[in-house]
N, C-alpha and C. Protein backbone atom coordinates (compact mmCIF):
# COMPACT_ATOMS: atom_id res chain seq x y z
N MET A 1 2.80 8.41 -18.80
CA MET A 1 2.14 8.88 -17.61
C MET A 1 3.18 9.55 -16.71
N LYS A 2 2.86 10.76 -16.28
CA LYS A 2 3.76 11.49 -15.40
C LYS A 2 3.71 10.93 -13.99
N LYS A 3 4.82 11.08 -13.26
CA LYS A 3 4.87 10.62 -11.88
C LYS A 3 3.81 11.34 -11.06
N GLY A 4 3.12 10.55 -10.20
CA GLY A 4 2.09 11.14 -9.35
C GLY A 4 0.74 11.28 -10.02
N THR A 5 0.57 10.62 -11.17
CA THR A 5 -0.71 10.70 -11.88
C THR A 5 -1.29 9.30 -12.03
N HIS A 6 -2.54 9.24 -12.42
CA HIS A 6 -3.26 7.98 -12.52
C HIS A 6 -3.92 7.85 -13.88
N GLY A 7 -3.58 6.78 -14.57
CA GLY A 7 -4.29 6.45 -15.79
C GLY A 7 -3.92 7.27 -16.99
N LYS A 8 -4.67 7.01 -18.05
CA LYS A 8 -4.41 7.63 -19.35
C LYS A 8 -4.52 9.15 -19.32
N ASP A 9 -5.47 9.65 -18.55
CA ASP A 9 -5.72 11.08 -18.52
C ASP A 9 -4.73 11.84 -17.65
N GLU A 10 -3.86 11.09 -16.96
CA GLU A 10 -2.82 11.68 -16.12
C GLU A 10 -3.40 12.64 -15.08
N ASN A 11 -4.49 12.22 -14.46
CA ASN A 11 -5.10 13.03 -13.40
C ASN A 11 -4.38 12.81 -12.08
N LYS A 12 -4.38 13.83 -11.25
CA LYS A 12 -3.93 13.65 -9.88
C LYS A 12 -5.03 12.90 -9.14
N PHE A 13 -4.65 12.23 -8.06
CA PHE A 13 -5.62 11.41 -7.33
C PHE A 13 -6.86 12.21 -6.96
N GLU A 14 -6.68 13.43 -6.48
CA GLU A 14 -7.81 14.26 -6.05
C GLU A 14 -8.76 14.57 -7.21
N GLU A 15 -8.26 14.52 -8.42
CA GLU A 15 -9.07 14.85 -9.59
C GLU A 15 -9.86 13.65 -10.12
N LEU A 16 -9.55 12.44 -9.62
CA LEU A 16 -10.25 11.25 -10.07
C LEU A 16 -11.67 11.24 -9.53
N THR A 17 -12.55 10.51 -10.21
CA THR A 17 -13.90 10.31 -9.68
C THR A 17 -13.81 9.41 -8.46
N TYR A 18 -14.86 9.39 -7.69
CA TYR A 18 -14.91 8.54 -6.50
C TYR A 18 -14.63 7.09 -6.88
N GLN A 19 -15.25 6.63 -7.95
CA GLN A 19 -15.08 5.25 -8.41
C GLN A 19 -13.64 4.99 -8.85
N ASP A 20 -13.05 5.92 -9.58
CA ASP A 20 -11.67 5.75 -10.01
C ASP A 20 -10.69 5.81 -8.84
N GLN A 21 -11.00 6.63 -7.83
CA GLN A 21 -10.17 6.64 -6.63
C GLN A 21 -10.23 5.28 -5.95
N ALA A 22 -11.42 4.70 -5.87
CA ALA A 22 -11.58 3.38 -5.24
C ALA A 22 -10.77 2.33 -5.99
N LYS A 23 -10.81 2.35 -7.31
CA LYS A 23 -10.02 1.40 -8.11
C LYS A 23 -8.53 1.58 -7.85
N SER A 24 -8.09 2.81 -7.77
CA SER A 24 -6.69 3.10 -7.52
C SER A 24 -6.26 2.62 -6.14
N LEU A 25 -7.08 2.88 -5.13
CA LEU A 25 -6.77 2.44 -3.77
C LEU A 25 -6.71 0.91 -3.69
N ASN A 26 -7.66 0.23 -4.31
CA ASN A 26 -7.65 -1.23 -4.30
C ASN A 26 -6.40 -1.78 -4.96
N ALA A 27 -6.01 -1.18 -6.07
CA ALA A 27 -4.79 -1.63 -6.76
C ALA A 27 -3.56 -1.40 -5.88
N GLN A 28 -3.51 -0.26 -5.21
CA GLN A 28 -2.36 0.04 -4.35
C GLN A 28 -2.28 -0.95 -3.18
N ILE A 29 -3.42 -1.33 -2.63
CA ILE A 29 -3.43 -2.29 -1.54
C ILE A 29 -2.91 -3.64 -2.02
N GLN A 30 -3.32 -4.06 -3.20
CA GLN A 30 -2.84 -5.33 -3.75
C GLN A 30 -1.34 -5.29 -4.02
N VAL A 31 -0.86 -4.18 -4.54
CA VAL A 31 0.58 -4.02 -4.79
C VAL A 31 1.34 -4.05 -3.48
N LEU A 32 0.81 -3.40 -2.44
CA LEU A 32 1.45 -3.39 -1.13
C LEU A 32 1.56 -4.81 -0.58
N LYS A 33 0.48 -5.59 -0.71
CA LYS A 33 0.50 -6.97 -0.23
C LYS A 33 1.59 -7.78 -0.93
N LYS A 34 1.66 -7.66 -2.25
CA LYS A 34 2.69 -8.37 -3.01
C LYS A 34 4.09 -7.90 -2.63
N ALA A 35 4.24 -6.61 -2.41
CA ALA A 35 5.55 -6.06 -2.04
C ALA A 35 5.99 -6.58 -0.67
N LEU A 36 5.06 -6.63 0.28
CA LEU A 36 5.39 -7.14 1.61
C LEU A 36 5.81 -8.61 1.54
N LYS A 37 5.08 -9.40 0.76
CA LYS A 37 5.44 -10.82 0.60
C LYS A 37 6.85 -10.95 0.04
N ALA A 38 7.15 -10.18 -0.99
CA ALA A 38 8.48 -10.23 -1.61
C ALA A 38 9.55 -9.77 -0.63
N HIS A 39 9.25 -8.73 0.14
CA HIS A 39 10.19 -8.19 1.11
C HIS A 39 10.52 -9.23 2.18
N PHE A 40 9.50 -9.94 2.66
CA PHE A 40 9.72 -10.94 3.69
C PHE A 40 10.47 -12.16 3.14
N ARG A 41 10.19 -12.53 1.90
CA ARG A 41 10.95 -13.62 1.27
C ARG A 41 12.42 -13.24 1.17
N LYS A 42 12.68 -12.02 0.72
CA LYS A 42 14.06 -11.54 0.60
C LYS A 42 14.72 -11.50 1.97
N GLY A 43 13.98 -11.05 2.97
CA GLY A 43 14.52 -11.00 4.32
C GLY A 43 14.91 -12.37 4.83
N LYS A 44 14.07 -13.36 4.57
CA LYS A 44 14.40 -14.74 4.97
C LYS A 44 15.66 -15.22 4.26
N ASP A 45 15.74 -14.93 2.96
CA ASP A 45 16.93 -15.33 2.19
C ASP A 45 18.20 -14.69 2.74
N GLU A 46 18.06 -13.48 3.26
CA GLU A 46 19.22 -12.74 3.78
C GLU A 46 19.33 -12.85 5.30
N ASP A 47 18.57 -13.78 5.88
CA ASP A 47 18.63 -14.07 7.31
C ASP A 47 18.36 -12.83 8.18
N LYS A 48 17.33 -12.07 7.81
CA LYS A 48 16.93 -10.88 8.57
C LYS A 48 15.87 -11.25 9.60
N ASP A 49 15.64 -10.36 10.55
CA ASP A 49 14.63 -10.56 11.59
C ASP A 49 13.25 -10.22 11.01
N ILE A 50 12.62 -11.21 10.42
CA ILE A 50 11.33 -11.01 9.75
C ILE A 50 10.24 -10.62 10.75
N ASP A 51 10.24 -11.22 11.93
CA ASP A 51 9.21 -10.89 12.92
C ASP A 51 9.25 -9.43 13.31
N SER A 52 10.44 -8.88 13.45
CA SER A 52 10.57 -7.46 13.79
C SER A 52 10.02 -6.59 12.65
N SER A 53 10.34 -6.96 11.42
CA SER A 53 9.84 -6.22 10.26
C SER A 53 8.33 -6.29 10.19
N LYS A 54 7.79 -7.50 10.38
CA LYS A 54 6.33 -7.66 10.32
C LYS A 54 5.64 -6.80 11.38
N ASN A 55 6.20 -6.79 12.58
CA ASN A 55 5.59 -5.98 13.65
C ASN A 55 5.62 -4.50 13.31
N SER A 56 6.70 -4.05 12.72
CA SER A 56 6.81 -2.64 12.34
C SER A 56 5.76 -2.26 11.29
N TYR A 57 5.62 -3.11 10.27
CA TYR A 57 4.62 -2.82 9.24
C TYR A 57 3.21 -2.96 9.78
N LYS A 58 3.01 -3.93 10.68
CA LYS A 58 1.69 -4.12 11.27
C LYS A 58 1.27 -2.89 12.06
N GLU A 59 2.20 -2.30 12.81
CA GLU A 59 1.88 -1.08 13.56
C GLU A 59 1.43 0.05 12.63
N GLN A 60 2.12 0.18 11.51
CA GLN A 60 1.74 1.23 10.56
C GLN A 60 0.36 0.95 9.97
N LEU A 61 0.09 -0.31 9.63
CA LEU A 61 -1.21 -0.66 9.07
C LEU A 61 -2.32 -0.52 10.10
N LEU A 62 -2.03 -0.81 11.35
CA LEU A 62 -3.04 -0.65 12.39
C LEU A 62 -3.43 0.82 12.57
N LYS A 63 -2.48 1.72 12.37
CA LYS A 63 -2.80 3.16 12.42
C LYS A 63 -3.78 3.53 11.32
N ILE A 64 -3.60 2.92 10.15
CA ILE A 64 -4.53 3.17 9.05
C ILE A 64 -5.90 2.60 9.40
N ILE A 65 -5.94 1.41 9.99
CA ILE A 65 -7.21 0.78 10.38
C ILE A 65 -7.91 1.65 11.44
N GLU A 66 -7.16 2.17 12.38
CA GLU A 66 -7.74 3.06 13.40
C GLU A 66 -8.37 4.27 12.73
N PHE A 67 -7.68 4.83 11.74
CA PHE A 67 -8.23 5.97 11.00
C PHE A 67 -9.54 5.58 10.31
N LEU A 68 -9.58 4.39 9.73
CA LEU A 68 -10.79 3.94 9.02
C LEU A 68 -11.95 3.71 10.00
N ASN A 69 -11.64 3.37 11.24
CA ASN A 69 -12.69 3.11 12.23
C ASN A 69 -13.25 4.38 12.86
N LYS A 70 -12.58 5.51 12.64
CA LYS A 70 -13.08 6.76 13.21
C LYS A 70 -14.36 7.18 12.49
N LYS A 71 -15.28 7.71 13.27
CA LYS A 71 -16.55 8.17 12.68
C LYS A 71 -16.53 9.62 12.39
């Protein structure tokens, strides 16, 4: 699979069906959640300011939520 493509057919995201786009988005959200958990665990191990990191990511996610709430 080439970089920037999805699945066996190597389609770009825009070329996927609505249903396949939804599957891809759901998978990306789950991967993001796992990545954030791992990042915060690593930060704790390395004595980083986890609260500051969480706030930064939360602000970015809230911008996405605001976009989703727009009509």
